[in-house]
């Protein structure tokens, strides 16, 4: 059939669209799976050069980290307060006890009796959980049954501990399921129970003996938050990283080249190529692989503890004066007395890291055909740069003041060095502590944003874009580590930075992109970061923590105490530490603690 003018136009449009399939589409928030078809071979390989300092190198955690607290105890005692305890990296939280009523039945405990159908000799409210309160009683043998509701502050699995000393002889049921049983001299049988935050769970405790109304919980099966598995599998973000079989995806069309630290080593892009930690390259590479039809190489040149104002100072940066002090320009060094001179062989100098980065990148590009034989005939194009850095500069007022100028000089220097005069740059600001960022880093972030301002730098207009990383900050309480200068190793932060740098790059190249929500899309139910208790605070907490230490920590300690070196016990026998009694044999005064239980705290720290 002969095509009509309308169908002819349609064919032309379709041909045009097929020539630019990726640029014509919008990069969606949820990236599609990697295309199974081979990448295009009729266009140069796209190389993106990533650089910066340690956060570009990458500290986003792939694997689960340790929980913030190794142990979490919960008390209903009035003296309890949320604090970190100086024992076993543990924390104390409060939980609620509601409508506690004690029924006292005449006669010793009878395991066959149905106390729910029996009439009590006495019934009254009880301060369950208050370690200073005692269970009600009557003359003669009797059994006390307490009914109440408990409410925990976080979802999780819990172990319940009823009573203290004599009243620890008890049977406890949570929501009709036995959770605690102690009858005799042996240890209690405890079954963990899943409890929900904000939900009042019915509790019944049948006491075989009277005494303290103490009640405490331990949250168990603790885990860390903010690793990549948690972000993908539990928060539901960046699902394109997971294959259907649960493994991490490897993109056949994108390669990660570690030019500097890895001396040019290369692997198909994905989580496994990055290793146990990752930087912006992971998110960036997946976005650019979705955008381009041709192969993509993300080439990294980065190392930690490097400043743009000194270590990575680019060529063209002249000697300058700040607040009356002269600072070296590119290729110069400075003595302790302030003398600026040319460096001797082997000496560090302003721009040394720039030169080292450049040489490492050159070593790959100049041998591209040998490094990538399948792409030898295709050749390559330096298609863009991505940058995430700024921590070390924040410690120098001079470097802060010069950051914007140095950033612009770096953009121009590397464009010239790699013969890519219009190659776009995407920059991520520092993001430490988000909206509560310290003032010195606010200035760094402003300088990074200013570098992309077309009014301030018209020569860079339309080719540089800065992403504000402050909304990507995640607190240490929901992160694998408490290390703010490495963004607490939070995988979501590192993924959001890299993903945003990729989407900004797409826009600079004429494409369109939707951006993921920068904040938390799903709340993480985690205990807050708490301050360590002082000695004075510990004294006020003694009523709340005494049952926890005596019935929880001390027995566990006793099982492994033989591993504690004698010098940490100051020579005191373990049985005296555990019992709180003075040793029979006198010890030198400097070796005797105020209280034997003080030694328990010290040796717990060792373990």
Protein backbone atom coordinates (compact mmCIF):
# COMPACT_ATOMS: atom_id res chain seq x y z
CA UNK A 1 0.00 0.00 0.00
CA UNK A 2 1.34 3.40 -0.93
CA UNK A 3 1.81 5.54 2.18
CA UNK A 4 -0.32 8.67 2.47
CA UNK A 5 1.26 11.98 3.49
CA UNK A 6 -0.10 11.46 7.03
CA UNK A 7 1.39 7.96 7.35
CA UNK A 8 4.65 9.23 5.87
CA UNK A 9 4.89 11.88 8.54
CA UNK A 10 4.12 9.28 11.22
CA UNK A 11 6.90 7.03 9.92
CA UNK A 12 9.35 9.92 10.01
CA UNK A 13 8.37 10.73 13.61
CA UNK A 14 8.69 7.09 14.63
CA UNK A 15 12.14 6.94 13.07
CA UNK A 16 13.18 10.07 14.92
CA UNK A 17 11.92 8.69 18.22
CA UNK A 18 13.69 5.38 17.68
CA UNK A 19 16.96 7.24 17.15
CA UNK A 20 16.65 8.76 20.65
CA UNK A 21 14.63 6.21 22.61
CA UNK A 22 15.92 7.03 26.05
CA UNK A 23 16.09 10.81 25.76
CA UNK A 24 12.50 10.90 24.53
CA UNK A 25 11.11 9.21 27.64
CA UNK A 26 10.66 10.38 31.21
CA UNK A 27 12.86 8.52 33.69
CA UNK A 28 10.27 7.31 36.23
CA UNK A 29 10.67 7.26 39.98
CA UNK A 30 10.65 3.45 39.96
CA UNK A 31 13.22 2.40 37.41
CA UNK A 32 12.28 -0.49 35.09
CA UNK A 33 14.32 -3.70 35.05
CA UNK A 34 17.48 -3.60 32.94
CA UNK A 35 16.73 -4.26 29.27
CA UNK A 36 17.77 -7.76 28.22
CA UNK A 37 18.74 -6.66 24.73
CA UNK A 38 22.44 -5.92 24.07
CA UNK A 39 23.45 -2.25 24.24
CA UNK A 40 23.91 -0.26 21.04
CA UNK A 41 27.25 -0.65 19.25
CA UNK A 42 26.95 2.19 16.75
CA UNK A 43 27.60 4.99 19.27
CA UNK A 44 30.58 5.68 21.58
CA UNK A 45 30.55 4.26 25.08
CA UNK A 46 29.42 6.91 27.56
CA UNK A 47 31.95 7.49 30.36
CA UNK A 48 30.95 9.40 33.49
CA UNK A 49 33.74 10.41 35.86
CA UNK A 50 32.83 10.44 39.56
CA UNK A 51 35.06 12.08 42.14
CA UNK A 52 35.25 13.68 45.57
CA UNK A 53 36.45 12.39 48.90
CA UNK A 54 35.32 9.60 51.28
CA UNK A 55 31.57 9.91 50.74
CA UNK A 56 32.10 9.61 47.00
CA UNK A 57 34.34 6.63 47.72
CA UNK A 58 31.30 5.27 49.53
CA UNK A 59 30.13 4.33 53.01
CA UNK A 60 26.53 3.31 52.30
CA UNK A 61 26.11 -0.03 54.09
CA UNK A 62 24.96 -3.01 52.05
CA UNK A 63 24.74 -5.50 54.91
CA UNK A 64 22.84 -5.08 58.20
CA UNK A 65 24.76 -3.28 60.88
CA UNK A 66 24.62 -3.91 64.59
CA UNK A 67 21.58 -2.49 66.36
CA UNK A 68 22.05 0.87 68.03
CA UNK A 69 21.70 -0.85 71.41
CA UNK A 70 22.77 -4.44 72.10
CA UNK A 71 20.07 -4.78 74.75
CA UNK A 72 16.88 -2.84 75.39
CA UNK A 73 15.19 -3.18 78.78
CA UNK A 74 11.80 -1.72 79.65
CA UNK A 75 10.57 -0.84 83.10
CA UNK A 76 7.23 0.37 84.42
CA UNK A 77 8.77 1.65 87.64
CA UNK A 78 8.06 5.37 88.32
CA UNK A 79 11.81 6.08 88.54
CA UNK A 80 12.46 4.74 85.04
CA UNK A 81 13.29 7.12 82.23
CA UNK A 82 14.58 6.63 78.65
CA UNK A 83 18.37 6.54 78.97
CA UNK A 84 21.41 4.71 77.68
CA UNK A 85 22.87 2.52 80.41
CA UNK A 86 26.61 2.10 81.12
CA UNK A 87 26.23 -1.68 80.87
CA UNK A 88 26.56 -3.85 77.76
CA UNK A 89 25.64 -1.03 75.35
CA UNK A 90 22.10 -1.26 76.70
CA UNK A 91 19.21 1.16 77.01
CA UNK A 92 16.31 1.60 79.38
CA UNK A 93 12.84 2.54 78.13
CA UNK A 94 9.49 2.84 79.82
CA UNK A 95 6.41 0.79 79.09
CA UNK A 96 2.89 1.28 80.28
CA UNK A 97 0.86 -0.82 82.73
CA UNK A 98 -2.87 -0.10 82.81
CA UNK A 99 -5.79 -1.15 85.01
CA UNK A 100 -3.79 -3.54 87.17
CA UNK A 101 -6.03 -5.38 89.64
CA UNK A 102 -4.93 -8.01 92.12
CA UNK A 103 -7.21 -10.83 93.26
CA UNK A 104 -6.12 -12.73 96.37
CA UNK A 105 -7.38 -16.30 96.75
CA UNK A 106 -7.17 -18.33 99.92
CA UNK A 107 -4.96 -21.38 99.76
CA UNK A 108 -1.60 -22.21 98.23
CA UNK A 109 -1.30 -22.25 94.47
CA UNK A 110 -3.17 -25.13 92.84
CA UNK A 111 -2.18 -25.76 89.19
CA UNK A 112 -5.59 -27.38 88.60
CA UNK A 113 -7.60 -24.46 89.94
CA UNK A 114 -9.48 -22.13 87.56
CA UNK A 115 -9.00 -18.86 89.37
CA UNK A 116 -11.08 -17.00 86.79
CA UNK A 117 -14.16 -18.82 88.10
CA UNK A 118 -13.30 -18.53 91.78
CA UNK A 119 -14.30 -15.77 94.17
CA UNK A 120 -11.30 -13.94 95.63
CA UNK A 121 -10.96 -13.29 99.33
CA UNK A 122 -9.68 -9.85 98.47
CA UNK A 123 -9.52 -7.66 95.37
CA UNK A 124 -7.78 -4.32 94.94
CA UNK A 125 -5.70 -2.26 92.52
CA UNK A 126 -1.94 -2.78 92.54
CA UNK A 127 0.98 -0.66 91.30
CA UNK A 128 2.24 -3.41 88.99
CA UNK A 129 5.77 -2.65 87.81
CA UNK A 130 6.58 -0.39 90.76
CA UNK A 131 9.53 -2.13 92.40
CA UNK A 132 8.77 -0.48 95.74
CA UNK A 133 5.19 -1.82 95.76
CA UNK A 134 4.25 -5.18 97.23
CA UNK A 135 1.53 -7.58 96.22
CA UNK A 136 -1.56 -7.59 98.47
CA UNK A 137 -1.89 -10.51 100.86
CA UNK A 138 -4.11 -12.16 103.45
CA UNK A 139 -3.33 -14.22 106.52
CA UNK A 140 -2.44 -17.81 105.79
CA UNK A 141 -1.50 -19.49 102.52
CA UNK A 142 -2.82 -17.60 99.51
CA UNK A 143 -2.39 -17.08 95.77
CA UNK A 144 -2.33 -13.70 94.06
CA UNK A 145 -3.56 -13.25 90.45
CA UNK A 146 -2.99 -9.89 88.79
CA UNK A 147 -4.85 -8.85 85.63
CA UNK A 148 -3.64 -5.83 83.69
CA UNK A 149 -2.85 -4.44 80.25
CA UNK A 150 0.63 -3.51 79.06
CA UNK A 151 1.63 -1.17 76.23
CA UNK A 152 5.09 -1.06 74.61
CA UNK A 153 6.63 1.92 72.77
CA UNK A 154 7.87 -0.04 69.74
CA UNK A 155 6.80 -3.02 67.65
CA UNK A 156 8.94 -6.06 68.30
CA UNK A 157 9.50 -9.33 70.11
CA UNK A 158 9.64 -9.15 73.90
CA UNK A 159 10.49 -11.33 76.86
CA UNK A 160 8.56 -10.71 80.06
CA UNK A 161 10.02 -11.03 83.56
CA UNK A 162 7.55 -11.15 86.44
CA UNK A 163 8.29 -10.30 90.08
CA UNK A 164 11.58 -10.04 91.91
CA UNK A 165 13.19 -12.39 94.42
CA UNK A 166 10.32 -14.42 96.01
CA UNK A 167 7.60 -13.04 93.72
CA UNK A 168 9.59 -14.18 90.68
CA UNK A 169 7.93 -17.56 91.41
CA UNK A 170 5.06 -16.93 89.01
CA UNK A 171 3.29 -17.81 85.77
CA UNK A 172 2.52 -15.01 83.30
CA UNK A 173 0.33 -15.05 80.21
CA UNK A 174 0.25 -12.36 77.52
CA UNK A 175 -2.87 -12.31 75.38
CA UNK A 176 -3.68 -15.82 76.61
CA UNK A 177 -0.24 -17.25 75.73
CA UNK A 178 2.21 -18.33 78.40
CA UNK A 179 5.22 -16.01 78.36
CA UNK A 180 6.89 -16.71 81.72
CA UNK A 181 7.02 -19.59 84.21
CA UNK A 182 9.20 -20.04 87.26
CA UNK A 183 8.38 -22.68 89.85
CA UNK A 184 11.35 -23.75 91.95
CA UNK A 185 15.02 -22.91 92.11
CA UNK A 186 15.83 -23.29 88.42
CA UNK A 187 15.79 -20.49 85.84
CA UNK A 188 12.49 -19.23 84.51
CA UNK A 189 11.11 -20.55 81.24
CA UNK A 190 10.53 -17.53 79.03
CA UNK A 191 8.80 -17.44 75.63
CA UNK A 192 9.16 -14.34 73.52
CA UNK A 193 5.94 -12.66 72.42
CA UNK A 194 5.37 -10.22 69.54
CA UNK A 195 3.83 -6.96 70.75
CA UNK A 196 2.54 -3.95 68.83
CA UNK A 197 3.23 -0.31 69.59
CA UNK A 198 0.20 1.52 70.99
CA UNK A 199 -1.76 -1.69 71.51
CA UNK A 200 -2.82 -2.67 75.03
CA UNK A 201 -2.15 -6.35 75.48
CA UNK A 202 -3.92 -8.27 78.28
CA UNK A 203 -1.61 -9.69 80.93
CA UNK A 204 -2.34 -12.16 83.70
CA UNK A 205 0.25 -13.09 86.31
CA UNK A 206 -0.37 -15.85 88.82
CA UNK A 207 2.07 -15.52 91.72
CA UNK A 208 3.10 -18.66 93.57
CA UNK A 209 4.67 -16.50 96.27
CA UNK A 210 4.12 -12.95 97.37
CA UNK A 211 6.51 -10.04 97.47
CA UNK A 212 7.53 -7.32 95.04
CA UNK A 213 5.20 -6.07 92.29
CA UNK A 214 8.21 -5.61 89.99
CA UNK A 215 7.71 -6.28 86.28
CA UNK A 216 10.12 -5.67 83.41
CA UNK A 217 10.57 -6.53 79.75
CA UNK A 218 13.47 -7.08 77.39
CA UNK A 219 13.07 -6.39 73.69
CA UNK A 220 14.82 -9.17 71.76
CA UNK A 221 15.72 -9.96 68.14
CA UNK A 222 17.09 -6.46 67.76
CA UNK A 223 18.38 -5.44 64.34
CA UNK A 224 20.02 -2.46 62.73
CA UNK A 225 18.34 -0.10 60.30
CA UNK A 226 19.32 1.80 57.20
CA UNK A 227 21.34 -0.86 55.35
CA UNK A 228 20.54 -1.48 51.69
CA UNK A 229 18.55 -4.64 52.35
CA UNK A 230 16.37 -2.77 54.85
CA UNK A 231 15.89 0.13 52.42
CA UNK A 232 14.89 -2.11 49.51
CA UNK A 233 13.02 -4.93 51.24
CA UNK A 234 11.34 -3.15 54.16
CA UNK A 235 11.07 0.48 53.10
CA UNK A 236 10.23 -0.53 49.53
CA UNK A 237 12.65 1.85 47.83
CA UNK A 238 14.89 1.22 44.80
CA UNK A 239 13.36 -2.18 44.09
CA UNK A 240 15.13 -2.26 40.73
CA UNK A 241 18.26 -3.33 42.62
CA UNK A 242 16.72 -6.72 43.46
CA UNK A 243 16.24 -9.55 40.97
CA UNK A 244 13.16 -11.76 41.17
CA UNK A 245 15.20 -14.49 42.87
CA UNK A 246 16.26 -12.07 45.62
CA UNK A 247 19.83 -11.57 44.40
CA UNK A 248 21.31 -8.19 43.58
CA UNK A 249 20.93 -7.16 39.94
CA UNK A 250 23.99 -6.89 37.68
CA UNK A 251 23.49 -4.54 34.74
CA UNK A 252 25.03 -5.95 31.53
CA UNK A 253 25.04 -2.49 29.91
CA UNK A 254 26.75 -0.53 32.71
CA UNK A 255 30.23 -1.03 34.14
CA UNK A 256 31.86 0.28 37.29
CA UNK A 257 35.53 1.21 36.89
CA UNK A 258 37.48 1.97 40.06
CA UNK A 259 40.19 4.03 38.39
CA UNK A 260 41.99 5.31 41.48
CA UNK A 261 41.60 3.01 44.49
CA UNK A 262 41.08 -0.08 42.33
CA UNK A 263 43.73 0.86 39.75
CA UNK A 264 41.24 0.57 36.90
CA UNK A 265 39.48 -2.64 37.97
CA UNK A 266 36.11 -3.06 36.31
CA UNK A 267 32.95 -5.14 36.77
CA UNK A 268 29.32 -5.18 35.58
CA UNK A 269 27.53 -2.53 37.61
CA UNK A 270 25.51 -3.49 40.65
CA UNK A 271 25.68 -3.90 44.39
CA UNK A 272 28.27 -6.69 44.24
CA UNK A 273 30.60 -4.58 42.09
CA UNK A 274 30.53 -1.85 44.75
CA UNK A 275 31.42 -4.19 47.61
CA UNK A 276 30.20 -4.06 51.23
CA UNK A 277 29.76 -0.28 51.01
CA UNK A 278 28.89 2.01 48.13
CA UNK A 279 28.81 5.65 47.07
CA UNK A 280 26.70 7.65 44.59
CA UNK A 281 27.83 5.42 41.72
CA UNK A 282 25.22 2.77 42.51
CA UNK A 283 22.17 4.98 42.11
CA UNK A 284 23.75 7.06 39.34
CA UNK A 285 24.73 4.08 37.20
CA UNK A 286 21.24 2.58 37.19
CA UNK A 287 19.68 5.88 36.13
CA UNK A 288 22.15 6.41 33.29
CA UNK A 289 21.82 2.80 32.17
CA UNK A 290 18.09 3.38 31.87
CA UNK A 291 18.65 6.62 29.94
CA UNK A 292 21.24 5.46 27.40
CA UNK A 293 21.04 2.78 24.72
CA UNK A 294 24.81 2.53 24.45
CA UNK A 295 27.08 1.06 27.14
CA UNK A 296 27.83 3.22 30.18
CA UNK A 297 30.97 3.25 32.32
CA UNK A 298 30.96 4.99 35.70
CA UNK A 299 34.61 5.70 36.49
CA UNK A 300 35.54 6.49 40.08
CA UNK A 301 38.51 8.55 41.25
CA UNK A 302 38.15 9.24 44.95
CA UNK A 303 39.72 8.75 48.36
CA UNK A 304 38.97 10.01 51.85
CA UNK A 305 40.22 13.04 53.77
CA UNK A 306 40.79 15.33 50.79
CA UNK A 307 39.90 19.01 50.45
CA UNK A 308 39.19 20.91 47.26
CA UNK A 309 41.01 23.93 48.71
CA UNK A 310 44.30 22.05 49.09
CA UNK A 311 44.56 18.41 48.01
CA UNK A 312 42.37 18.60 44.87
CA UNK A 313 43.13 22.22 44.03
CA UNK A 314 42.93 22.40 40.22
CA UNK A 315 45.37 24.02 37.79
CA UNK A 316 44.73 27.71 37.29
CA UNK A 317 44.25 28.27 41.04
CA UNK A 318 46.59 31.11 41.96
CA UNK A 319 48.20 31.96 45.27
CA UNK A 320 45.78 34.02 47.41
CA UNK A 321 45.45 35.90 50.70
CA UNK A 322 42.71 35.33 53.25
CA UNK A 323 42.42 37.33 56.47
CA UNK A 324 46.00 38.49 56.15
CA UNK A 325 47.50 35.04 55.54
CA UNK A 326 48.84 33.90 52.18
CA UNK A 327 47.88 30.46 50.86
CA UNK A 328 49.59 28.42 48.14
CA UNK A 329 48.25 28.05 44.63
CA UNK A 330 48.23 24.92 42.51
CA UNK A 331 51.60 23.14 42.51
CA UNK A 332 52.95 24.95 45.59
CA UNK A 333 53.48 23.87 49.18
CA UNK A 334 53.73 25.76 52.45
CA UNK A 335 56.09 25.35 55.40
CA UNK A 336 55.00 25.59 59.03
CA UNK A 337 56.25 29.17 59.19
CA UNK A 338 54.01 30.16 56.26
CA UNK A 339 56.72 30.16 53.58
CA UNK A 340 55.25 29.19 50.20
CA UNK A 341 57.56 27.40 47.78
CA UNK A 342 57.82 24.77 45.10
CA UNK A 343 57.69 21.24 46.57
CA UNK A 344 60.62 18.90 46.70
CA UNK A 345 60.32 15.48 45.14
CA UNK A 346 57.89 13.33 47.12
CA UNK A 347 56.40 16.25 49.06
CA UNK A 348 52.65 16.85 49.14
CA UNK A 349 51.50 20.05 47.49
CA UNK A 350 48.35 21.96 46.58
CA UNK A 351 46.68 19.94 43.83
CA UNK A 352 48.64 16.71 44.36
CA UNK A 353 45.42 14.72 44.66
CA UNK A 354 44.05 16.40 41.54
CA UNK A 355 47.13 15.21 39.66
CA UNK A 356 46.81 11.69 41.08
CA UNK A 357 43.12 11.47 40.19
CA UNK A 358 43.82 12.75 36.69
CA UNK A 359 46.67 10.29 36.14
CA UNK A 360 44.50 7.35 37.28
CA UNK A 361 41.67 8.33 34.93
CA UNK A 362 44.14 8.85 32.09
CA UNK A 363 45.62 5.39 32.66
CA UNK A 364 42.23 3.88 31.81
CA UNK A 365 41.24 6.22 28.98
CA UNK A 366 44.61 6.07 27.23
CA UNK A 367 44.39 2.26 27.21
CA UNK A 368 40.66 2.02 26.59
CA UNK A 369 40.90 -0.65 23.90
CA UNK A 370 43.02 -2.89 26.11
CA UNK A 371 40.80 -2.37 29.14
CA UNK A 372 37.57 -2.90 27.21
CA UNK A 373 38.27 -5.05 24.11
CA UNK A 374 34.55 -5.45 23.22
CA UNK A 375 34.25 -1.66 22.92
CA UNK A 376 37.56 -1.03 21.17
CA UNK A 377 35.97 -0.19 17.83
CA UNK A 378 33.18 1.81 19.42
CA UNK A 379 35.45 4.19 21.23
CA UNK A 380 34.31 6.35 24.11
CA UNK A 381 33.03 9.79 24.99
CA UNK A 382 33.56 11.54 28.33
CA UNK A 383 29.86 12.25 28.72
CA UNK A 384 29.82 13.96 32.10
CA UNK A 385 31.12 14.34 35.65
CA UNK A 386 29.56 13.88 39.09
CA UNK A 387 30.98 15.32 42.30
CA UNK A 388 30.28 14.80 46.03
CA UNK A 389 32.74 16.30 48.48
CA UNK A 390 33.14 19.12 50.98
CA UNK A 391 33.64 17.69 54.46
CA UNK A 392 37.33 18.47 54.83
CA UNK A 393 36.99 21.99 53.40
CA UNK A 394 34.48 22.74 56.15
CA UNK A 395 37.31 22.78 58.69
CA UNK A 396 39.08 25.74 57.08
CA UNK A 397 37.60 29.24 56.84
CA UNK A 398 39.92 29.97 53.91
CA UNK A 399 38.82 26.89 52.00
CA UNK A 400 35.17 27.68 52.69
CA UNK A 401 35.61 31.20 51.31
CA UNK A 402 37.29 29.88 48.14
CA UNK A 403 35.09 26.82 47.60
CA UNK A 404 32.86 28.26 44.86
CA UNK A 405 35.83 29.58 42.87
CA UNK A 406 37.73 26.30 43.28
CA UNK A 407 34.68 24.30 42.19
CA UNK A 408 34.30 26.35 39.01
CA UNK A 409 38.04 26.01 38.29
CA UNK A 410 37.81 22.23 38.72
CA UNK A 411 34.93 22.02 36.25
CA UNK A 412 36.90 23.96 33.65
CA UNK A 413 40.17 22.11 34.32
CA UNK A 414 38.77 18.61 33.87
CA UNK A 415 36.72 19.59 30.84
CA UNK A 416 39.94 20.79 29.24
CA UNK A 417 42.01 17.82 30.46
CA UNK A 418 39.62 15.23 29.04
CA UNK A 419 38.67 17.14 25.89
CA UNK A 420 35.05 17.46 26.95
CA UNK A 421 34.40 21.22 26.78
CA UNK A 422 30.63 20.98 27.23
CA UNK A 423 30.40 17.80 29.29
CA UNK A 424 27.73 18.38 31.97
CA UNK A 425 28.51 18.34 35.68
CA UNK A 426 26.18 17.32 38.47
CA UNK A 427 27.15 18.24 42.02
CA UNK A 428 25.65 17.09 45.33
CA UNK A 429 25.92 19.46 48.26
CA UNK A 430 27.11 18.38 51.66
CA UNK A 431 24.12 17.29 53.72
CA UNK A 432 25.37 16.74 57.25
CA UNK A 433 22.49 16.90 59.77
CA UNK A 434 20.00 18.06 57.14
CA UNK A 435 18.12 21.20 58.11
CA UNK A 436 20.22 21.40 61.30
CA UNK A 437 23.49 21.59 59.37
CA UNK A 438 26.35 23.44 61.14
CA UNK A 439 27.03 26.90 59.76
CA UNK A 440 30.42 26.06 58.23
CA UNK A 441 28.81 23.37 56.08
CA UNK A 442 25.88 25.60 55.20
CA UNK A 443 28.48 27.86 53.57
CA UNK A 444 29.97 24.92 51.67
CA UNK A 445 26.50 23.89 50.45
CA UNK A 446 25.77 27.45 49.34
CA UNK A 447 29.05 27.55 47.40
CA UNK A 448 28.16 24.27 45.69
CA UNK A 449 24.74 25.61 44.75
CA UNK A 450 26.29 28.87 43.53
CA UNK A 451 28.61 27.02 41.16
CA UNK A 452 25.53 26.05 39.12
CA UNK A 453 23.98 29.55 39.19
CA UNK A 454 23.90 30.84 35.56
CA UNK A 455 23.84 34.45 36.72
CA UNK A 456 27.02 34.04 38.74
CA UNK A 457 28.72 31.82 36.14
CA UNK A 458 27.13 32.43 32.73
CA UNK A 459 29.91 30.50 30.99
CA UNK A 460 28.59 27.32 32.70
CA UNK A 461 24.90 28.03 32.09
CA UNK A 462 22.87 24.95 31.24
CA UNK A 463 25.76 22.55 31.82
CA UNK A 464 26.02 22.37 35.63
CA UNK A 465 23.33 21.35 38.09
CA UNK A 466 23.60 21.04 41.87
CA UNK A 467 21.42 18.72 43.94
CA UNK A 468 20.71 19.75 47.54
CA UNK A 469 21.50 16.65 49.61
CA UNK A 470 20.25 18.01 52.94
CA UNK A 471 16.78 16.40 52.65
CA UNK A 472 18.48 13.01 52.24
CA UNK A 473 19.97 13.09 55.76
CA UNK A 474 18.92 10.22 58.06
CA UNK A 475 19.48 10.19 61.81
CA UNK A 476 21.86 7.71 63.44
CA UNK A 477 18.96 6.07 65.30
CA UNK A 478 17.74 4.63 61.98
CA UNK A 479 21.17 4.07 60.45
CA UNK A 480 23.87 1.38 60.61
CA UNK A 481 26.33 3.65 62.45
CA UNK A 482 26.59 6.84 64.44
CA UNK A 483 29.10 8.58 62.17
CA UNK A 484 27.76 11.87 60.89
CA UNK A 485 30.64 12.72 58.53
CA UNK A 486 29.87 9.48 56.64
CA UNK A 487 26.10 10.09 56.76
CA UNK A 488 25.79 7.38 59.43
CA UNK A 489 26.45 4.81 56.65
CA UNK A 490 22.77 5.11 55.73
CA UNK A 491 22.14 3.33 52.42
CA UNK A 492 19.02 5.36 51.68
CA UNK A 493 21.04 8.58 51.86
CA UNK A 494 23.71 7.30 49.48
CA UNK A 495 21.13 5.92 47.05
CA UNK A 496 19.13 9.15 47.03
CA UNK A 497 22.29 11.18 46.34
CA UNK A 498 23.44 8.99 43.45
CA UNK A 499 19.95 8.65 42.01
CA UNK A 500 19.41 12.43 42.11
CA UNK A 501 22.79 13.09 40.48
CA UNK A 502 21.77 10.73 37.68
CA UNK A 503 18.38 12.37 37.16
CA UNK A 504 20.01 15.81 37.14
CA UNK A 505 22.43 14.52 34.49
CA UNK A 506 19.52 13.26 32.40
CA UNK A 507 17.95 16.72 32.51
CA UNK A 508 21.21 18.40 31.49
CA UNK A 509 21.32 16.06 28.51
CA UNK A 510 17.84 17.09 27.38
CA UNK A 511 15.86 14.27 28.96
CA UNK A 512 13.18 14.40 31.63
CA UNK A 513 13.13 12.73 35.02
CA UNK A 514 10.82 12.32 37.97
CA UNK A 515 12.51 12.47 41.37
CA UNK A 516 11.83 10.14 44.33
CA UNK A 517 10.51 11.58 47.57
CA UNK A 518 13.60 12.92 49.41
CA UNK A 519 12.22 12.31 52.89
CA UNK A 520 11.20 9.12 54.63
CA UNK A 521 8.41 7.32 52.78
CA UNK A 522 7.85 4.90 55.63
CA UNK A 523 8.49 5.51 59.31
CA UNK A 524 11.19 3.40 60.97
CA UNK A 525 10.11 2.37 64.45
CA UNK A 526 13.39 2.65 66.30
CA UNK A 527 14.45 3.78 69.79
CA UNK A 528 15.86 7.29 69.87
CA UNK A 529 19.52 8.03 70.35
CA UNK A 530 19.90 8.60 74.08
CA UNK A 531 22.59 10.10 76.28
CA UNK A 532 24.61 7.85 78.57
CA UNK A 533 23.52 8.05 82.17
CA UNK A 534 25.70 9.88 84.66
CA UNK A 535 26.62 8.44 88.04
CA UNK A 536 24.05 10.72 89.68
CA UNK A 537 21.33 9.57 87.29
CA UNK A 538 22.17 5.92 87.88
CA UNK A 539 21.42 6.41 91.58
CA UNK A 540 17.91 7.65 90.77
CA UNK A 541 17.39 4.67 88.46
CA UNK A 542 18.43 2.00 90.99
CA UNK A 543 14.84 0.99 91.88
CA UNK A 544 14.00 0.50 88.21
CA UNK A 545 17.16 -1.31 87.15
CA UNK A 546 17.85 -3.44 90.23
CA UNK A 547 15.60 -6.35 89.13
CA UNK A 548 17.00 -6.07 85.59
CA UNK A 549 20.59 -6.30 86.81
CA UNK A 550 20.02 -8.97 89.45
CA UNK A 551 17.70 -11.25 87.46
CA UNK A 552 18.79 -10.42 83.92
CA UNK A 553 22.34 -9.19 83.55
CA UNK A 554 24.07 -10.84 86.48
CA UNK A 555 23.09 -14.43 85.60
CA UNK A 556 24.19 -13.87 82.01
CA UNK A 557 27.41 -12.28 83.24
CA UNK A 558 28.10 -15.22 85.55
CA UNK A 559 27.94 -17.65 82.62
CA UNK A 560 30.82 -15.98 80.82
CA UNK A 561 32.59 -14.15 83.64
CA UNK A 562 35.53 -16.54 83.54
CA UNK A 563 36.54 -14.80 80.29
CA UNK A 564 36.95 -11.46 82.08
CA UNK A 565 40.64 -10.78 82.80
CA UNK A 566 41.59 -10.71 86.47
CA UNK A 567 43.10 -7.23 86.23
CA UNK A 568 39.67 -5.84 85.28
CA UNK A 569 38.32 -7.40 88.48
CA UNK A 570 41.21 -5.88 90.47
CA UNK A 571 41.89 -9.38 91.71
CA UNK A 572 38.49 -9.72 93.41
CA UNK A 573 37.00 -13.23 93.09
CA UNK A 574 34.00 -13.43 90.78
CA UNK A 575 31.74 -14.83 93.50
CA UNK A 576 32.24 -11.63 95.51
CA UNK A 577 31.41 -9.46 92.53
CA UNK A 578 28.24 -11.44 91.90
CA UNK A 579 27.15 -11.62 95.52
CA UNK A 580 28.12 -8.08 96.50
CA UNK A 581 30.00 -9.37 99.56
CA UNK A 582 33.46 -8.29 100.59
CA UNK A 583 36.28 -10.80 99.98
CA UNK A 584 37.41 -12.83 102.98
CA UNK A 585 41.03 -11.93 102.24
CA UNK A 586 41.90 -8.25 102.55
CA UNK A 587 43.03 -6.53 99.37
CA UNK A 588 45.20 -3.42 98.96
CA UNK A 589 43.08 -0.30 99.39
CA UNK A 590 43.67 0.90 95.82
CA UNK A 591 42.20 -2.37 94.49
CA UNK A 592 38.95 -2.35 96.44
CA UNK A 593 36.02 -0.62 94.72
CA UNK A 594 33.41 1.33 96.65
CA UNK A 595 30.92 -1.44 95.92
CA UNK A 596 31.60 -4.85 94.40
CA UNK A 597 28.79 -4.23 91.92
CA UNK A 598 30.85 -1.38 90.47
CA UNK A 599 33.19 -4.06 89.20
CA UNK A 600 30.25 -5.66 87.45
CA UNK A 601 29.71 -2.50 85.42
CA UNK A 602 33.38 -2.27 84.49
CA UNK A 603 33.71 -5.88 83.44
CA UNK A 604 30.47 -5.64 81.44
CA UNK A 605 32.06 -2.87 79.41
CA UNK A 606 35.03 -5.14 78.69
CA UNK A 607 32.73 -7.82 77.34
